[in-house]
């Protein structure tokens, strides 16, 4: 049984569907303002068009980040309709990062389709990502809400942090296994994943007219939940079912990514860690990747990541209670957090 088969999972899926339905008109309206060639790549990436420009229904992802914006606004007593543009801006910023990540990582598939760069070329995919980021900031700049200035500044700062995390992730690939510490890897994951989830929650709080202390607590909640999310995502990158992840088995290992379970395994001081380090120094085809996955598990990397994910969610709930003392008001946020941190189990 998967998390989506449970009562809590079904509630989270329904919440995500409602959030997508609310935000999609803002997204489509924004994307339709892009120049033709750029718009074509963007709409393909979101799954709304085929490569030839004909309509498609491939799905635009789970829309977790916009759902967090709306749920955070609601939890703090705000009107989620006020935060729809902010939610769309967050999703545009996220998809900017996905387009670039696919190019950097040379990933061939996303959401069970060929990635945009494999269809339209590297240059067009990068340019479309750049345009999405600019569009995200324009959405906030043109919003008449008095909170939009603070929201724009927070999202821009988040994207800079996200880029630093991506740069660190790329740099790790050039380093030997012994040169990447667990603290380095946790810092990278917080910047690359946690920052945008934190910003999503903070933007929702801003549009609920929350105070600075509550906004900071919501940002911290999202960051901790984001790190839990990344831990689970890293586990899925090694052991996930391709039918669910949309990526080939062992792709992260073949790319010699220093993901959190891998770095934890390498730091274990075990014989399996030495075996894993040796594998990371040599050619990493499918057979070597399978042996590497086994070594990560024997070295304790899988168990460590699962325990860390639970611990980070506990910290996230502590931060959430600072902003929303009555957690009954944060039911949607709790459902989303449960969903994203158990989806790989």
Protein backbone atom coordinates (compact mmCIF):
# COMPACT_ATOMS: atom_id res chain seq x y z
CA UNK A 1 0.00 0.00 0.00
CA UNK A 2 1.28 3.49 -0.87
CA UNK A 3 0.62 6.67 1.11
CA UNK A 4 -1.91 7.77 -1.52
CA UNK A 5 -3.98 4.68 -0.72
CA UNK A 6 -4.47 5.72 2.94
CA UNK A 7 -7.16 8.09 4.21
CA UNK A 8 -4.53 10.76 4.87
CA UNK A 9 -3.02 10.19 1.46
CA UNK A 10 -6.36 10.53 -0.28
CA UNK A 11 -7.01 13.77 1.60
CA UNK A 12 -3.64 15.15 0.52
CA UNK A 13 -4.20 14.12 -3.10
CA UNK A 14 -7.61 15.82 -3.07
CA UNK A 15 -6.04 18.94 -1.56
CA UNK A 16 -3.36 19.00 -4.24
CA UNK A 17 -6.01 18.62 -6.94
CA UNK A 18 -8.00 21.54 -5.52
CA UNK A 19 -4.88 23.67 -5.33
CA UNK A 20 -3.92 22.83 -8.91
CA UNK A 21 -7.42 23.72 -10.04
CA UNK A 22 -7.23 27.08 -8.28
CA UNK A 23 -3.74 28.00 -9.46
CA UNK A 24 -3.81 26.63 -13.01
CA UNK A 25 -5.78 29.55 -14.52
CA UNK A 26 -3.19 32.00 -13.15
CA UNK A 27 -0.37 29.83 -14.51
CA UNK A 28 -1.91 29.41 -17.94
CA UNK A 29 -2.72 33.10 -18.18
CA UNK A 30 0.86 34.00 -17.26
CA UNK A 31 2.45 31.48 -19.63
CA UNK A 32 0.26 32.64 -22.49
CA UNK A 33 2.02 36.04 -22.32
CA UNK A 34 5.37 34.49 -23.27
CA UNK A 35 6.70 34.84 -26.84
CA UNK A 36 5.55 31.99 -29.11
CA UNK A 37 8.66 29.81 -29.26
CA UNK A 38 9.36 30.18 -25.55
CA UNK A 39 5.70 29.56 -24.70
CA UNK A 40 5.76 26.33 -26.71
CA UNK A 41 8.63 24.92 -24.65
CA UNK A 42 7.01 26.05 -21.39
CA UNK A 43 3.62 24.52 -22.19
CA UNK A 44 5.29 21.28 -23.25
CA UNK A 45 7.26 21.18 -19.99
CA UNK A 46 4.07 21.68 -17.97
CA UNK A 47 2.43 18.84 -19.89
CA UNK A 48 -0.27 20.98 -21.50
CA UNK A 49 0.97 20.61 -25.08
CA UNK A 50 2.71 17.98 -27.16
CA UNK A 51 5.96 18.86 -28.90
CA UNK A 52 4.03 19.80 -32.05
CA UNK A 53 1.90 22.28 -30.12
CA UNK A 54 -1.27 20.18 -30.03
CA UNK A 55 -3.14 19.97 -26.69
CA UNK A 56 -1.98 17.37 -24.18
CA UNK A 57 -2.99 16.23 -20.73
CA UNK A 58 0.27 14.79 -19.44
CA UNK A 59 0.00 16.45 -16.04
CA UNK A 60 1.96 19.39 -14.67
CA UNK A 61 3.33 17.76 -11.55
CA UNK A 62 1.91 17.56 -8.03
CA UNK A 63 1.97 21.35 -7.44
CA UNK A 64 3.10 20.84 -3.85
CA UNK A 65 4.63 24.31 -3.53
CA UNK A 66 1.56 26.29 -4.60
CA UNK A 67 -0.52 24.08 -2.32
CA UNK A 68 1.79 25.04 0.56
CA UNK A 69 1.30 28.74 -0.23
CA UNK A 70 -2.48 28.42 -0.11
CA UNK A 71 -2.54 26.10 2.91
CA UNK A 72 -0.18 28.37 4.87
CA UNK A 73 -2.35 31.39 4.13
CA UNK A 74 -5.45 29.48 5.26
CA UNK A 75 -3.77 28.17 8.44
CA UNK A 76 -3.00 31.72 9.55
CA UNK A 77 -6.51 32.95 8.96
CA UNK A 78 -6.02 34.50 5.53
CA UNK A 79 -8.02 34.20 2.33
CA UNK A 80 -6.18 31.79 -0.01
CA UNK A 81 -7.68 33.57 -3.03
CA UNK A 82 -5.51 36.54 -2.13
CA UNK A 83 -2.39 34.37 -2.51
CA UNK A 84 -3.18 32.79 -5.89
CA UNK A 85 -0.67 34.93 -7.80
CA UNK A 86 2.00 34.17 -5.23
CA UNK A 87 1.24 30.46 -5.54
CA UNK A 88 1.57 30.65 -9.32
CA UNK A 89 4.84 32.58 -8.97
CA UNK A 90 6.29 29.90 -6.70
CA UNK A 91 5.34 27.18 -9.19
CA UNK A 92 6.96 29.12 -12.04
CA UNK A 93 10.15 29.53 -10.02
CA UNK A 94 10.15 25.82 -9.21
CA UNK A 95 9.74 24.86 -12.86
CA UNK A 96 12.52 27.24 -13.86
CA UNK A 97 14.77 25.16 -11.62
CA UNK A 98 13.47 21.88 -13.05
CA UNK A 99 14.17 22.92 -16.65
CA UNK A 100 17.72 23.88 -15.72
CA UNK A 101 18.24 20.79 -13.55
CA UNK A 102 17.25 18.51 -16.41
CA UNK A 103 19.86 20.14 -18.64
CA UNK A 104 22.58 20.07 -15.99
CA UNK A 105 21.87 16.45 -15.01
CA UNK A 106 21.21 15.36 -18.61
CA UNK A 107 17.99 13.72 -17.45
CA UNK A 108 16.08 12.25 -20.39
CA UNK A 109 12.65 11.94 -18.76
CA UNK A 110 10.45 13.90 -16.38
CA UNK A 111 6.86 13.10 -15.47
CA UNK A 112 7.03 10.09 -17.80
CA UNK A 113 7.81 12.25 -20.88
CA UNK A 114 11.03 13.22 -22.67
CA UNK A 115 12.49 16.30 -20.99
CA UNK A 116 12.19 19.63 -22.78
CA UNK A 117 15.88 19.89 -23.62
CA UNK A 118 15.84 16.49 -25.38
CA UNK A 119 12.90 17.66 -27.51
CA UNK A 120 13.69 21.33 -28.21
CA UNK A 121 17.42 21.49 -27.52
CA UNK A 122 19.49 22.73 -24.61
CA UNK A 123 19.39 26.42 -25.52
CA UNK A 124 15.60 26.59 -25.82
CA UNK A 125 15.09 24.75 -22.53
CA UNK A 126 17.43 27.10 -20.68
CA UNK A 127 15.82 30.19 -22.20
CA UNK A 128 12.34 28.92 -21.33
CA UNK A 129 13.47 28.41 -17.74
CA UNK A 130 14.89 31.93 -17.60
CA UNK A 131 11.61 33.31 -18.94
CA UNK A 132 9.63 31.40 -16.28
CA UNK A 133 11.70 32.93 -13.50
CA UNK A 134 11.24 36.43 -14.91
CA UNK A 135 7.53 35.73 -15.25
CA UNK A 136 7.32 34.64 -11.60
CA UNK A 137 8.80 37.92 -10.42
CA UNK A 138 6.62 39.91 -12.81
CA UNK A 139 3.50 38.26 -11.41
CA UNK A 140 4.38 39.52 -7.96
CA UNK A 141 5.54 42.93 -9.17
CA UNK A 142 2.22 43.52 -10.96
CA UNK A 143 0.14 42.30 -8.03
CA UNK A 144 -1.58 45.23 -6.33
CA UNK A 145 -1.44 43.57 -2.91
CA UNK A 146 0.67 45.57 -0.40
CA UNK A 147 2.47 42.38 0.59
CA UNK A 148 3.78 41.80 -2.94
CA UNK A 149 6.99 43.80 -2.43
CA UNK A 150 8.03 41.68 0.55
CA UNK A 151 6.95 38.55 -1.34
CA UNK A 152 9.06 39.50 -4.38
CA UNK A 153 12.13 40.10 -2.23
CA UNK A 154 11.68 36.81 -0.39
CA UNK A 155 11.21 34.79 -3.58
CA UNK A 156 14.24 36.43 -5.23
CA UNK A 157 16.42 35.69 -2.20
CA UNK A 158 15.15 32.11 -2.21
CA UNK A 159 16.07 31.62 -5.88
CA UNK A 160 19.60 32.90 -5.23
CA UNK A 161 19.91 30.38 -2.39
CA UNK A 162 18.46 27.66 -4.61
CA UNK A 163 21.07 28.43 -7.29
CA UNK A 164 23.83 28.21 -4.68
CA UNK A 165 22.51 24.81 -3.68
CA UNK A 166 22.47 23.66 -7.30
CA UNK A 167 26.03 24.91 -7.80
CA UNK A 168 27.17 22.99 -4.72
CA UNK A 169 25.41 19.86 -5.96
CA UNK A 170 27.26 20.10 -9.27
CA UNK A 171 30.58 20.80 -7.53
CA UNK A 172 30.16 17.69 -5.37
CA UNK A 173 30.14 15.53 -8.50
CA UNK A 174 33.71 16.61 -9.26
CA UNK A 175 34.97 15.81 -5.77
CA UNK A 176 36.19 12.46 -4.51
CA UNK A 177 33.88 10.57 -2.12
CA UNK A 178 36.01 11.55 0.88
CA UNK A 179 35.84 15.29 0.12
CA UNK A 180 32.09 15.74 0.68
CA UNK A 181 30.98 15.85 4.33
CA UNK A 182 27.51 15.14 5.62
CA UNK A 183 27.22 18.76 6.83
CA UNK A 184 28.12 19.96 3.33
CA UNK A 185 25.45 17.72 1.86
CA UNK A 186 22.78 18.78 4.36
CA UNK A 187 23.56 22.44 3.64
CA UNK A 188 23.27 21.84 -0.10
CA UNK A 189 19.94 20.03 0.27
CA UNK A 190 18.53 22.76 2.51
CA UNK A 191 19.41 25.39 -0.09
CA UNK A 192 18.37 23.39 -3.14
CA UNK A 193 15.07 22.02 -1.81
CA UNK A 194 14.25 23.44 1.61
CA UNK A 195 14.59 27.09 0.62
CA UNK A 196 11.73 27.03 -1.90
CA UNK A 197 9.39 25.06 0.34
CA UNK A 198 10.21 27.51 3.13
CA UNK A 199 9.53 30.46 0.85
CA UNK A 200 6.23 28.90 -0.21
CA UNK A 201 5.05 28.72 3.39
CA UNK A 202 6.41 32.18 4.17
CA UNK A 203 4.61 33.72 1.19
CA UNK A 204 1.35 32.17 2.34
CA UNK A 205 1.91 33.68 5.77
CA UNK A 206 2.67 37.09 4.25
CA UNK A 207 -0.59 37.11 2.32
CA UNK A 208 -2.42 36.25 5.56
CA UNK A 209 -0.95 39.45 7.08
CA UNK A 210 1.04 37.43 9.60
CA UNK A 211 3.71 39.08 11.71
CA UNK A 212 7.42 38.68 11.09
CA UNK A 213 7.82 36.04 13.82
CA UNK A 214 5.08 33.90 12.29
CA UNK A 215 6.54 34.35 8.79
CA UNK A 216 9.96 33.20 10.01
CA UNK A 217 8.43 30.18 11.76
CA UNK A 218 6.54 29.21 8.62
CA UNK A 219 9.72 29.54 6.57
CA UNK A 220 11.52 27.28 9.07
CA UNK A 221 8.64 24.77 8.92
CA UNK A 222 8.92 24.60 5.14
CA UNK A 223 12.69 24.26 5.23
CA UNK A 224 12.62 21.36 7.67
CA UNK A 225 9.80 19.68 5.75
CA UNK A 226 11.78 20.33 2.56
CA UNK A 227 14.83 18.58 3.95
CA UNK A 228 12.64 15.62 4.91
CA UNK A 229 11.23 15.71 1.38
CA UNK A 230 14.76 15.70 -0.09
CA UNK A 231 15.79 12.76 2.05
CA UNK A 232 12.83 10.76 0.76
CA UNK A 233 13.47 11.96 -2.79
CA UNK A 234 17.09 10.81 -2.53
CA UNK A 235 15.91 7.41 -1.34
CA UNK A 236 13.56 7.20 -4.31
CA UNK A 237 16.42 8.22 -6.59
CA UNK A 238 18.14 4.98 -5.58
CA UNK A 239 15.32 2.56 -4.79
CA UNK A 240 12.22 4.17 -6.28
CA UNK A 241 9.91 2.52 -8.79
CA UNK A 242 10.44 4.13 -12.23
CA UNK A 243 6.68 3.82 -12.85
CA UNK A 244 6.18 6.28 -9.98
CA UNK A 245 9.29 8.45 -10.23
CA UNK A 246 9.36 8.83 -14.02
CA UNK A 247 13.15 8.31 -13.97
CA UNK A 248 15.34 5.34 -14.74
CA UNK A 249 16.59 3.10 -11.93
CA UNK A 250 19.89 4.22 -10.43
CA UNK A 251 20.09 7.48 -12.39
CA UNK A 252 21.50 9.37 -9.39
CA UNK A 253 24.10 6.68 -8.76
CA UNK A 254 25.10 6.51 -12.42
CA UNK A 255 25.70 10.28 -12.24
CA UNK A 256 27.76 9.68 -9.06
CA UNK A 257 25.55 12.11 -7.16
CA UNK A 258 26.58 12.69 -3.56
CA UNK A 259 23.01 12.37 -2.31
CA UNK A 260 22.27 12.26 1.40
CA UNK A 261 21.99 8.45 1.77
CA UNK A 262 25.22 8.04 -0.24
CA UNK A 263 27.20 10.55 1.83
CA UNK A 264 25.86 9.08 5.07
CA UNK A 265 26.96 5.63 3.88
CA UNK A 266 30.39 6.92 2.86
CA UNK A 267 30.84 8.46 6.33
CA UNK A 268 29.97 5.22 8.15
CA UNK A 269 33.52 3.88 8.32
CA UNK A 270 32.33 0.43 7.31
CA UNK A 271 33.66 -2.04 4.79
CA UNK A 272 30.58 -1.30 2.70
CA UNK A 273 31.57 2.38 2.73
CA UNK A 274 34.99 1.51 1.31
CA UNK A 275 33.31 -0.60 -1.36
CA UNK A 276 30.98 2.27 -2.23
CA UNK A 277 33.86 4.76 -2.45
CA UNK A 278 35.69 2.42 -4.81
CA UNK A 279 32.61 2.09 -7.01
CA UNK A 280 32.22 5.89 -7.12
CA UNK A 281 35.78 6.22 -8.45
CA UNK A 282 35.20 3.89 -11.38
CA UNK A 283 32.81 3.57 -14.34
CA UNK A 284 29.21 3.60 -13.12
CA UNK A 285 27.00 1.60 -15.44
CA UNK A 286 23.82 -0.20 -14.49
CA UNK A 287 25.61 -3.16 -12.90
CA UNK A 288 27.91 -0.95 -10.82
CA UNK A 289 24.94 1.21 -9.80
CA UNK A 290 23.12 -1.88 -8.50
CA UNK A 291 26.17 -2.84 -6.44
CA UNK A 292 26.45 0.74 -5.19
CA UNK A 293 22.80 0.72 -4.07
CA UNK A 294 23.44 -2.48 -2.14
CA UNK A 295 26.56 -0.96 -0.55
CA UNK A 296 24.64 2.17 0.50
CA UNK A 297 22.09 -0.02 2.25
CA UNK A 298 24.67 -2.22 3.96
CA UNK A 299 26.57 0.86 5.14
CA UNK A 300 23.42 2.19 6.81
CA UNK A 301 22.68 5.03 4.40
CA UNK A 302 19.11 3.97 3.75
CA UNK A 303 18.20 3.59 7.44
CA UNK A 304 19.94 6.88 8.31
CA UNK A 305 17.99 8.80 5.66
CA UNK A 306 14.66 7.36 6.80
CA UNK A 307 15.37 8.25 10.44
CA UNK A 308 16.57 11.72 9.47
CA UNK A 309 13.41 12.34 7.46
CA UNK A 310 11.30 11.52 10.53
CA UNK A 311 13.47 13.75 12.73
CA UNK A 312 13.24 16.69 10.31
CA UNK A 313 9.47 16.37 10.21
CA UNK A 314 9.39 16.46 14.00
CA UNK A 315 11.40 19.69 13.88
CA UNK A 316 9.08 21.05 11.20
CA UNK A 317 6.04 20.45 13.42
CA UNK A 318 7.76 22.29 16.25
CA UNK A 319 8.27 25.32 14.00
CA UNK A 320 4.69 25.13 12.75
CA UNK A 321 3.34 25.20 16.31
CA UNK A 322 5.16 28.51 16.86
CA UNK A 323 3.17 30.12 14.04
CA UNK A 324 -0.09 28.18 14.48
CA UNK A 325 -0.44 27.14 18.15
CA UNK A 326 -3.73 25.38 17.40
CA UNK A 327 -2.56 22.75 14.92
CA UNK A 328 -6.17 21.89 14.11
CA UNK A 329 -6.13 25.05 11.99
CA UNK A 330 -3.16 23.67 10.06
CA UNK A 331 -4.77 20.42 8.97
CA UNK A 332 -4.08 21.01 5.27
CA UNK A 333 -0.41 21.75 5.96
CA UNK A 334 -0.08 18.62 8.06
CA UNK A 335 -1.67 16.51 5.32
CA UNK A 336 0.73 17.90 2.74
CA UNK A 337 3.75 17.36 4.97
CA UNK A 338 2.70 13.78 5.67
CA UNK A 339 2.17 13.14 1.97
CA UNK A 340 5.49 14.47 0.72
CA UNK A 341 7.57 12.80 3.41
CA UNK A 342 5.98 9.36 3.12
CA UNK A 343 5.43 9.14 -0.62
CA UNK A 344 8.52 6.99 -1.13
CA UNK A 345 7.91 4.55 1.69
